[in-house]
Amino acid sequence: MNESAIDLSIGALRSAYASGALRPSDVMASALQRLARPDQEAVWISTVDPDRAMAAAQALDARVGEIEALPLFGTVFSVKDNIDVAGFETTAACPAFAYRPDRSATVIARAEAAGALCLGKTNLDQFATGLVGLRSPHGAPRNPHNARYIPGGSSSGAAVSVATGAVSFAFGTDTGGSGRVPASYNGIVGLKPAPGDWSRSGLVYACRSFDTATVFARNLDDALAVDAVVRGADETDAFSRAIIRAPAASPRVAIVPPDRAETFGDTVVQALYAAAHARATRVFPTLTPADIEPFLAINELMFFGPFLSERDVSVGAFIDAHSEACHPVVRDLIVKSRRFSAADAYRAAYAVEEARRATAGFFEAHDVLVTPTVGALATLAMCEADPLGPNFRNGYYTNFANPLGLAALSIPAGRAPDGVPWGITLYALPERAATLARAAAVFMEGAQA
């Protein structure tokens, strides 16, 4: 069988299984072979034992009659290696940190219960600290569209595993943009639920108070299919909550005007965003301009404020004991957070609540906010010359989302002349997540108009 001929999207696989054209064991055999291809270099930290994988797939072969009850039947997925999966070590891209969990994270367990098969654990910016995808002892996954550009981080391997067609979908995490920035650089969909909508049980936390797991997929329907399976309250996660979604009849959308969008002098992104704005104007007849200054007011707290101290709570003791085992940029960022005091943490908490109040009026008048995902495209050379600047620029439109409790979708919106993808992000309150998805679908359908 020609492994490159298999469409791993969820809908295509379900149709093929239902017709008898494929079995899960066919798909798994193909996926295992694909791991050796050059485009998978530095994507994976660990992969499934082939015998174990084929046994699990063959067990599903015998359950094809249950396909209607298993919404992810026979799909293959990858997992960012700061999320626990039973049978795999969790390393957070730091080999000395490795441990073998007793059980899978709740989101993984729910996906597997729905019929999905895990192919392995993917590379990341160490301890999920970064938005570039280059801070790992395992190397950097190659951007499959243009190798001069970064893959985006911290969920670099997860995004590339989807963009290269190695898996049906991938789990990542997002603290300040790691479930959206890699989606933009790889031309795929990145769905970031509102914090608490998905369980955080089984994650290596960066900022536990507002981290979340995420999903990458090649199309919106696949991302939503995973969301439908894994979302919901979890008694093992103290931060989990039941969010009742109340979709709006017609999305009220607001977008940052092109002349007020920060693109850091990147004329390519300026042109891409102007085109995206024109499309949004065409497909959303009641589109209004958005002022995002109240949202941006808390951005610097992510890497220049006491939010960094939560990373110290999570892995600081390990860093103290194994300093030489840590990436120097990651280590220094986390250790330097100790300069912040308890008073600084309270001031940050006050700033977040003030931003919530300042943005409340926006969400009374609108359902969805649209921004660029990244304001400027970063190359490997840029990051080598300046390890921190491109990272901070990547987070300009993403850092505020989780502290403010927003759901987000990063979707493809164009390509630069040299082929690297670029996307926009749509934001909404947790109860408007379905409206968010509808607005994203309308925008993506508009590309065909």
Protein backbone atom coordinates (compact mmCIF):
# COMPACT_ATOMS: atom_id res chain seq x y z
CA MET A 1 0.00 0.00 0.00
CA ASN A 2 1.25 3.50 -0.83
CA GLU A 3 1.40 5.15 2.60
CA SER A 4 1.37 8.65 1.14
CA ALA A 5 -2.05 7.98 -0.38
CA ILE A 6 -3.81 7.68 3.00
CA ASP A 7 -5.77 10.76 4.01
CA LEU A 8 -5.53 10.82 7.83
CA SER A 9 -8.23 13.41 8.39
CA ILE A 10 -10.93 12.17 10.74
CA GLY A 11 -13.78 12.37 8.24
CA ALA A 12 -11.81 10.60 5.48
CA LEU A 13 -10.74 7.80 7.80
CA ARG A 14 -14.26 7.22 9.10
CA SER A 15 -15.57 6.96 5.55
CA ALA A 16 -12.80 4.54 4.58
CA TYR A 17 -13.38 2.38 7.65
CA ALA A 18 -17.13 2.33 7.15
CA SER A 19 -16.75 1.22 3.53
CA GLY A 20 -14.14 -1.41 4.35
CA ALA A 21 -11.47 0.28 2.21
CA LEU A 22 -9.16 0.59 5.22
CA ARG A 23 -8.64 -0.94 8.63
CA PRO A 24 -6.99 0.75 11.62
CA SER A 25 -4.09 -1.69 11.31
CA ASP A 26 -3.50 -0.50 7.72
CA VAL A 27 -3.34 3.09 8.91
CA MET A 28 -1.06 2.31 11.83
CA ALA A 29 1.33 0.32 9.64
CA SER A 30 1.51 3.27 7.27
CA ALA A 31 2.01 5.75 10.11
CA LEU A 32 4.85 3.72 11.60
CA GLN A 33 6.63 3.59 8.24
CA ARG A 34 6.23 7.32 7.82
CA LEU A 35 8.18 8.06 11.00
CA ALA A 36 11.42 7.37 9.11
CA ARG A 37 10.86 10.11 6.55
CA PRO A 38 13.24 13.10 6.60
CA ASP A 39 10.46 15.58 7.41
CA GLN A 40 10.03 13.88 10.81
CA GLU A 41 13.56 14.71 11.97
CA ALA A 42 13.51 16.36 15.41
CA VAL A 43 9.72 16.10 15.49
CA TRP A 44 9.57 13.18 17.92
CA ILE A 45 11.09 12.60 21.36
CA SER A 46 9.70 9.07 21.66
CA THR A 47 7.48 6.89 19.49
CA VAL A 48 5.25 3.95 20.20
CA ASP A 49 6.61 0.41 20.25
CA PRO A 50 5.60 -1.00 16.83
CA ASP A 51 4.34 -4.31 18.20
CA ARG A 52 2.28 -2.57 20.86
CA ALA A 53 0.91 -0.14 18.29
CA MET A 54 -0.10 -2.85 15.83
CA ALA A 55 -1.76 -4.87 18.57
CA ALA A 56 -3.86 -1.87 19.60
CA ALA A 57 -4.80 -1.18 15.97
CA GLN A 58 -5.72 -4.79 15.30
CA ALA A 59 -7.94 -4.75 18.38
CA LEU A 60 -9.77 -1.83 16.77
CA ASP A 61 -10.07 -3.75 13.49
CA ALA A 62 -12.38 -6.12 15.32
CA ARG A 63 -14.49 -3.25 16.66
CA VAL A 64 -15.43 -1.61 13.37
CA GLY A 65 -19.06 -2.32 14.16
CA GLU A 66 -18.78 0.13 17.06
CA ILE A 67 -17.55 3.01 14.91
CA GLU A 68 -20.64 5.16 15.53
CA ALA A 69 -19.96 5.04 19.27
CA LEU A 70 -16.27 5.88 18.84
CA PRO A 71 -15.97 9.35 17.26
CA LEU A 72 -12.16 9.16 16.89
CA PHE A 73 -12.12 5.52 15.71
CA GLY A 74 -8.82 4.52 14.13
CA THR A 75 -7.31 8.02 14.05
CA VAL A 76 -3.64 8.47 14.96
CA PHE A 77 -2.38 11.33 17.08
CA SER A 78 0.75 12.78 18.65
CA VAL A 79 1.23 14.32 22.07
CA LYS A 80 3.49 17.18 23.13
CA ASP A 81 5.95 15.73 25.60
CA ASN A 82 4.79 17.78 28.56
CA ILE A 83 1.52 15.80 28.66
CA ASP A 84 1.40 12.39 30.33
CA VAL A 85 0.70 9.29 28.25
CA ALA A 86 0.74 5.89 29.95
CA GLY A 87 3.54 3.74 28.53
CA PHE A 88 5.72 6.73 27.59
CA GLU A 89 8.14 8.84 29.57
CA THR A 90 7.28 12.50 30.05
CA THR A 91 10.40 14.62 29.58
CA ALA A 92 9.29 18.19 28.75
CA ALA A 93 12.30 18.14 26.36
CA CYS A 94 14.71 17.72 29.28
CA PRO A 95 16.02 14.13 29.45
CA ALA A 96 17.16 14.49 33.07
CA PHE A 97 13.59 15.45 34.06
CA ALA A 98 12.06 12.26 32.64
CA TYR A 99 9.50 10.27 34.60
CA ARG A 100 7.07 7.51 33.68
CA PRO A 101 3.50 8.39 34.68
CA ASP A 102 1.12 5.84 36.15
CA ARG A 103 -1.72 7.01 33.94
CA SER A 104 -2.46 9.25 30.99
CA ALA A 105 -3.60 12.83 31.21
CA THR A 106 -7.39 13.08 31.19
CA VAL A 107 -7.54 14.54 27.68
CA ILE A 108 -5.42 11.66 26.35
CA ALA A 109 -7.50 9.03 28.15
CA ARG A 110 -10.69 10.53 26.68
CA ALA A 111 -9.25 10.55 23.15
CA GLU A 112 -8.13 6.93 23.43
CA ALA A 113 -11.49 5.89 24.85
CA ALA A 114 -13.02 7.41 21.70
CA GLY A 115 -10.90 5.14 19.50
CA ALA A 116 -7.77 7.20 18.82
CA LEU A 117 -4.28 5.67 18.72
CA CYS A 118 -1.20 7.46 20.05
CA LEU A 119 1.84 7.41 17.76
CA GLY A 120 4.28 9.12 20.14
CA LYS A 121 5.51 12.16 22.06
CA THR A 122 6.66 15.30 20.24
CA ASN A 123 9.42 17.87 20.66
CA LEU A 124 8.90 21.27 22.28
CA ASP A 125 10.60 24.33 23.67
CA GLN A 126 11.94 22.92 26.93
CA PHE A 127 9.43 23.11 29.79
CA ALA A 128 7.07 24.79 27.29
CA THR A 129 9.02 28.03 27.74
CA GLY A 130 9.12 29.78 24.39
CA LEU A 131 7.20 30.56 21.21
CA VAL A 132 9.90 29.72 18.67
CA GLY A 133 10.32 25.92 18.76
CA LEU A 134 14.13 26.05 18.90
CA ARG A 135 14.90 25.53 22.61
CA SER A 136 15.30 21.75 22.80
CA PRO A 137 18.26 19.39 23.17
CA HIS A 138 16.60 17.25 20.48
CA GLY A 139 17.04 19.92 17.81
CA ALA A 140 14.36 21.94 16.03
CA PRO A 141 11.61 20.45 13.87
CA ARG A 142 11.88 21.81 10.35
CA ASN A 143 9.16 24.12 9.08
CA PRO A 144 7.75 21.96 6.25
CA HIS A 145 6.84 24.96 4.08
CA ASN A 146 10.12 26.87 4.23
CA ALA A 147 13.07 25.60 6.27
CA ARG A 148 14.41 29.14 6.74
CA TYR A 149 11.56 29.87 9.14
CA ILE A 150 10.94 28.67 12.67
CA PRO A 151 8.28 26.00 13.28
CA GLY A 152 6.80 28.08 16.11
CA GLY A 153 6.69 26.97 19.71
CA SER A 154 6.49 25.74 22.21
CA SER A 155 4.37 22.99 20.60
CA SER A 156 6.71 22.74 17.60
CA GLY A 157 6.78 18.98 17.10
CA ALA A 158 3.03 18.62 17.57
CA ALA A 159 2.29 21.20 14.89
CA VAL A 160 4.82 19.81 12.41
CA SER A 161 3.50 16.26 12.90
CA VAL A 162 0.11 17.51 11.69
CA ALA A 163 1.41 19.77 8.92
CA THR A 164 3.48 16.94 7.41
CA GLY A 165 0.55 14.53 7.44
CA ALA A 166 2.10 12.13 9.96
CA VAL A 167 -0.96 12.14 12.24
CA SER A 168 -4.65 12.98 12.17
CA PHE A 169 -4.33 15.49 14.99
CA ALA A 170 -1.94 16.47 17.78
CA PHE A 171 -2.23 17.59 21.37
CA GLY A 172 -0.21 20.62 22.42
CA THR A 173 -0.39 23.04 25.31
CA ASP A 174 -0.83 26.79 25.50
CA THR A 175 0.17 29.27 28.18
CA GLY A 176 1.00 32.40 26.20
CA GLY A 177 0.41 31.26 22.61
CA SER A 178 1.92 27.80 22.16
CA GLY A 179 -1.27 26.33 20.72
CA ARG A 180 -1.69 29.16 18.20
CA VAL A 181 1.73 30.41 17.07
CA PRO A 182 2.85 27.00 15.68
CA ALA A 183 -0.48 26.67 13.89
CA SER A 184 0.20 29.92 12.05
CA TYR A 185 3.73 28.98 11.00
CA ASN A 186 2.60 25.55 9.79
CA GLY A 187 -0.61 26.47 7.98
CA ILE A 188 -2.94 24.42 10.19
CA VAL A 189 -5.75 24.96 12.70
CA GLY A 190 -4.90 25.48 16.37
CA LEU A 191 -7.79 25.30 18.84
CA LYS A 192 -7.11 26.65 22.32
CA PRO A 193 -10.03 26.12 24.69
CA ALA A 194 -10.71 28.55 27.47
CA PRO A 195 -8.68 27.58 30.56
CA GLY A 196 -10.68 25.05 32.55
CA ASP A 197 -12.79 23.86 29.60
CA TRP A 198 -10.34 20.98 29.10
CA SER A 199 -8.79 19.14 32.02
CA ARG A 200 -5.25 20.09 33.02
CA SER A 201 -4.73 16.82 34.90
CA GLY A 202 -1.52 15.15 33.68
CA LEU A 203 0.27 18.24 32.34
CA VAL A 204 3.73 19.49 33.28
CA TYR A 205 2.59 22.97 34.17
CA ALA A 206 4.10 26.20 32.98
CA CYS A 207 1.51 28.46 34.62
CA ARG A 208 -0.97 26.11 36.25
CA SER A 209 -3.51 28.83 36.97
CA PHE A 210 -4.20 29.37 33.26
CA ASP A 211 -2.45 26.65 31.22
CA THR A 212 -4.51 24.51 28.89
CA ALA A 213 -4.04 21.59 26.56
CA THR A 214 -4.83 22.31 22.89
CA VAL A 215 -5.32 20.51 19.59
CA PHE A 216 -3.77 20.97 16.14
CA ALA A 217 -5.50 19.64 13.03
CA ARG A 218 -5.37 20.18 9.29
CA ASN A 219 -8.99 21.32 9.17
CA LEU A 220 -11.51 22.93 11.48
CA ASP A 221 -13.90 19.97 11.58
CA ASP A 222 -11.17 17.69 12.93
CA ALA A 223 -10.20 20.15 15.65
CA LEU A 224 -13.84 20.46 16.70
CA ALA A 225 -14.27 16.68 16.71
CA VAL A 226 -11.43 16.35 19.21
CA ASP A 227 -12.80 19.21 21.30
CA ALA A 228 -16.18 17.49 21.50
CA VAL A 229 -14.55 14.33 22.87
CA VAL A 230 -12.10 15.72 25.43
CA ARG A 231 -13.76 18.85 26.83
CA GLY A 232 -15.67 18.91 30.09
CA ALA A 233 -15.17 19.00 33.83
CA ASP A 234 -12.74 16.60 35.52
CA GLU A 235 -12.79 15.87 39.23
CA THR A 236 -9.02 15.21 39.22
CA ASP A 237 -8.30 18.81 38.16
CA ALA A 238 -9.02 21.49 40.73
CA PHE A 239 -9.04 24.14 37.97
CA SER A 240 -11.52 22.28 35.78
CA ARG A 241 -15.01 23.66 35.35
CA ALA A 242 -18.18 22.92 33.45
CA ILE A 243 -18.67 25.59 30.80
CA ILE A 244 -22.11 25.85 29.25
CA ARG A 245 -21.79 26.97 25.63
CA ALA A 246 -24.48 29.32 24.39
CA PRO A 247 -23.90 30.03 20.69
CA ALA A 248 -25.02 33.33 19.24
CA ALA A 249 -27.46 33.23 16.34
CA SER A 250 -25.22 35.43 14.19
CA PRO A 251 -21.64 36.21 15.19
CA ARG A 252 -20.91 39.84 15.96
CA VAL A 253 -17.32 40.15 14.81
CA ALA A 254 -14.79 42.92 15.39
CA ILE A 255 -11.32 43.07 13.85
CA VAL A 256 -8.19 45.13 14.40
CA PRO A 257 -7.99 47.64 11.51
CA PRO A 258 -4.90 47.20 9.30
CA ASP A 259 -3.67 50.73 10.03
CA ARG A 260 -3.69 49.94 13.77
CA ALA A 261 -2.16 46.46 13.56
CA GLU A 262 1.37 46.11 14.93
CA THR A 263 3.50 44.23 12.40
CA PHE A 264 6.93 45.32 13.64
CA GLY A 265 7.90 46.62 10.21
CA ASP A 266 7.19 43.30 8.47
CA THR A 267 5.74 44.41 5.12
CA VAL A 268 4.88 40.82 4.14
CA VAL A 269 2.63 40.43 7.19
CA GLN A 270 1.17 43.88 6.56
CA ALA A 271 0.06 42.73 3.10
CA LEU A 272 -1.21 39.38 4.39
CA TYR A 273 -3.23 41.06 7.10
CA ALA A 274 -4.67 43.63 4.71
CA ALA A 275 -5.89 40.74 2.53
CA ALA A 276 -7.33 38.92 5.55
CA HIS A 277 -9.09 42.10 6.67
CA ALA A 278 -10.58 42.52 3.18
CA ARG A 279 -11.87 38.95 3.26
CA ALA A 280 -13.35 39.45 6.73
CA THR A 281 -15.08 42.61 5.53
CA ARG A 282 -16.58 40.63 2.67
CA VAL A 283 -17.85 37.65 4.70
CA PHE A 284 -18.99 39.50 7.83
CA PRO A 285 -21.37 42.27 6.66
CA THR A 286 -21.63 43.85 10.13
CA LEU A 287 -17.89 43.77 10.85
CA THR A 288 -16.68 46.55 13.14
CA PRO A 289 -13.19 47.83 14.08
CA ALA A 290 -11.67 46.60 17.35
CA ASP A 291 -9.52 48.47 19.83
CA ILE A 292 -7.27 45.87 21.45
CA GLU A 293 -5.24 48.15 23.69
CA PRO A 294 -7.18 46.99 26.78
CA PHE A 295 -6.28 43.38 25.90
CA LEU A 296 -2.61 44.15 25.35
CA ALA A 297 -2.29 45.90 28.72
CA ILE A 298 -1.32 42.64 30.48
CA ASN A 299 0.96 41.18 27.79
CA GLU A 300 4.26 41.94 29.47
CA LEU A 301 3.25 40.01 32.57
CA MET A 302 3.84 36.76 30.68
CA PHE A 303 7.63 37.01 30.26
CA PHE A 304 8.48 40.25 32.06
CA GLY A 305 6.34 39.85 35.17
CA PRO A 306 5.47 37.52 38.02
CA PHE A 307 3.57 35.06 35.81
CA LEU A 308 7.03 33.62 35.21
CA SER A 309 7.11 32.62 38.87
CA GLU A 310 4.55 29.89 38.25
CA ARG A 311 7.14 28.17 36.06
CA ASP A 312 9.49 28.30 39.04
CA VAL A 313 6.82 26.65 41.20
CA SER A 314 6.53 23.86 38.63
CA VAL A 315 10.17 23.10 37.75
CA GLY A 316 12.36 25.49 39.76
CA ALA A 317 13.55 22.86 42.25
CA PHE A 318 14.55 20.60 39.38
CA ILE A 319 16.45 23.42 37.69
CA ASP A 320 18.35 24.14 40.91
CA ALA A 321 19.39 20.50 41.16
CA HIS A 322 20.15 20.00 37.44
CA SER A 323 21.11 23.42 36.12
CA GLU A 324 23.50 21.99 33.54
CA ALA A 325 20.74 19.82 32.08
CA CYS A 326 18.55 22.79 31.17
CA HIS A 327 18.51 24.98 28.09
CA PRO A 328 20.26 28.20 29.13
CA VAL A 329 17.58 30.57 27.81
CA VAL A 330 14.83 28.59 29.53
CA ARG A 331 16.81 28.18 32.75
CA ASP A 332 17.67 31.86 32.98
CA LEU A 333 14.12 33.04 32.29
CA ILE A 334 12.69 30.82 35.01
CA VAL A 335 15.38 31.47 37.62
CA LYS A 336 15.20 35.23 37.09
CA SER A 337 11.51 35.12 38.02
CA ARG A 338 12.65 34.89 41.64
CA ARG A 339 13.24 38.61 41.66
CA PHE A 340 9.48 39.11 41.84
CA SER A 341 7.81 39.39 45.24
CA ALA A 342 4.46 38.30 46.58
CA ALA A 343 3.42 41.94 46.28
CA ASP A 344 4.30 41.81 42.56
CA ALA A 345 2.10 38.76 42.16
CA TYR A 346 -0.83 40.57 43.74
CA ARG A 347 -0.24 43.58 41.50
CA ALA A 348 -0.31 41.27 38.48
CA ALA A 349 -3.57 39.71 39.68
CA TYR A 350 -5.05 43.19 40.04
CA ALA A 351 -3.89 44.10 36.53
CA VAL A 352 -5.62 41.04 35.09
CA GLU A 353 -8.89 41.88 36.82
CA GLU A 354 -8.64 45.46 35.59
CA ALA A 355 -8.12 44.16 32.05
CA ARG A 356 -11.14 41.88 32.42
CA ARG A 357 -13.23 44.87 33.43
CA ALA A 358 -11.80 47.01 30.62
CA THR A 359 -12.60 44.35 28.00
CA ALA A 360 -16.04 43.42 29.33
CA GLY A 361 -17.68 46.14 27.25
CA PHE A 362 -16.13 44.71 24.10
CA PHE A 363 -17.74 41.33 24.72
CA GLU A 364 -21.09 42.90 25.51
CA ALA A 365 -21.06 44.45 22.04
CA HIS A 366 -19.26 41.65 20.17
CA ASP A 367 -18.94 37.87 20.18
CA VAL A 368 -15.61 37.47 18.40
CA LEU A 369 -12.34 39.41 18.26
CA VAL A 370 -10.05 38.89 15.23
CA THR A 371 -6.31 39.66 15.25
CA PRO A 372 -3.21 38.40 13.46
CA THR A 373 -1.79 35.31 15.12
CA VAL A 374 1.75 36.67 14.77
CA GLY A 375 2.59 40.24 13.84
CA ALA A 376 5.88 39.40 12.15
CA LEU A 377 7.40 36.25 10.69
CA ALA A 378 10.58 34.96 12.35
CA THR A 379 13.41 33.08 10.65
CA LEU A 380 16.00 30.80 12.20
CA ALA A 381 18.64 33.45 11.51
CA MET A 382 16.66 36.10 13.39
CA CYS A 383 16.39 33.85 16.44
CA GLU A 384 20.06 32.98 16.33
CA ALA A 385 20.95 36.68 16.29
CA ASP A 386 18.42 37.57 19.00
CA PRO A 387 17.13 34.64 21.12
CA LEU A 388 14.46 36.70 22.88
CA GLY A 389 13.15 39.39 20.52
CA PRO A 390 11.34 37.17 17.99
CA ASN A 391 9.86 35.17 20.84
CA PHE A 392 8.34 38.25 22.44
CA ARG A 393 7.05 39.52 19.09
CA ASN A 394 5.39 36.15 18.44
CA GLY A 395 3.41 36.57 21.65
CA TYR A 396 2.17 40.11 21.00
CA TYR A 397 -1.30 38.96 19.88
CA THR A 398 -1.45 35.81 22.02
CA ASN A 399 -0.17 36.47 25.56
CA PHE A 400 -3.35 38.06 26.91
CA ALA A 401 -5.78 35.25 26.05
CA ASN A 402 -5.36 32.77 28.89
CA PRO A 403 -5.10 35.24 31.77
CA LEU A 404 -8.36 36.73 30.48
CA GLY A 405 -9.98 33.28 30.20
CA LEU A 406 -10.64 33.43 26.46
CA ALA A 407 -11.11 30.62 23.95
CA ALA A 408 -9.20 30.98 20.68
CA LEU A 409 -8.85 29.54 17.20
CA SER A 410 -5.84 30.16 14.97
CA ILE A 411 -6.69 29.46 11.33
CA PRO A 412 -4.73 29.75 8.07
CA ALA A 413 -5.20 33.06 6.27
CA GLY A 414 -2.50 33.22 3.62
CA ARG A 415 1.09 32.54 2.63
CA ALA A 416 4.10 34.75 2.21
CA PRO A 417 5.63 34.89 -1.28
CA ASP A 418 8.31 32.44 -0.16
CA GLY A 419 5.70 29.90 0.94
CA VAL A 420 5.64 30.19 4.72
CA PRO A 421 2.05 30.18 6.05
CA TRP A 422 0.49 32.87 8.19
CA GLY A 423 -2.79 32.95 10.11
CA ILE A 424 -5.30 34.95 12.08
CA THR A 425 -6.73 34.21 15.52
CA LEU A 426 -10.32 34.55 16.63
CA TYR A 427 -11.10 35.06 20.33
CA ALA A 428 -14.29 34.67 22.35
CA LEU A 429 -15.55 34.20 25.89
CA PRO A 430 -15.81 30.54 27.00
CA GLU A 431 -19.56 30.29 26.52
CA ARG A 432 -19.20 31.61 22.97
CA ALA A 433 -16.80 28.86 21.82
CA ALA A 434 -19.36 27.50 19.33
CA THR A 435 -19.84 31.00 17.92
CA LEU A 436 -16.07 31.26 17.60
CA ALA A 437 -16.02 28.07 15.54
CA ARG A 438 -18.84 29.30 13.33
CA ALA A 439 -17.07 32.59 12.64
CA ALA A 440 -13.85 30.72 11.80
CA ALA A 441 -15.76 28.49 9.37
CA VAL A 442 -17.33 31.51 7.66
CA PHE A 443 -13.92 33.13 7.23
CA MET A 444 -12.33 29.96 5.84
CA GLU A 445 -15.24 29.38 3.47
CA GLY A 446 -14.73 32.95 2.28
CA ALA A 447 -11.43 31.95 0.72
CA GLN A 448 -13.41 30.05 -1.88
CA ALA A 449 -15.78 32.92 -2.65
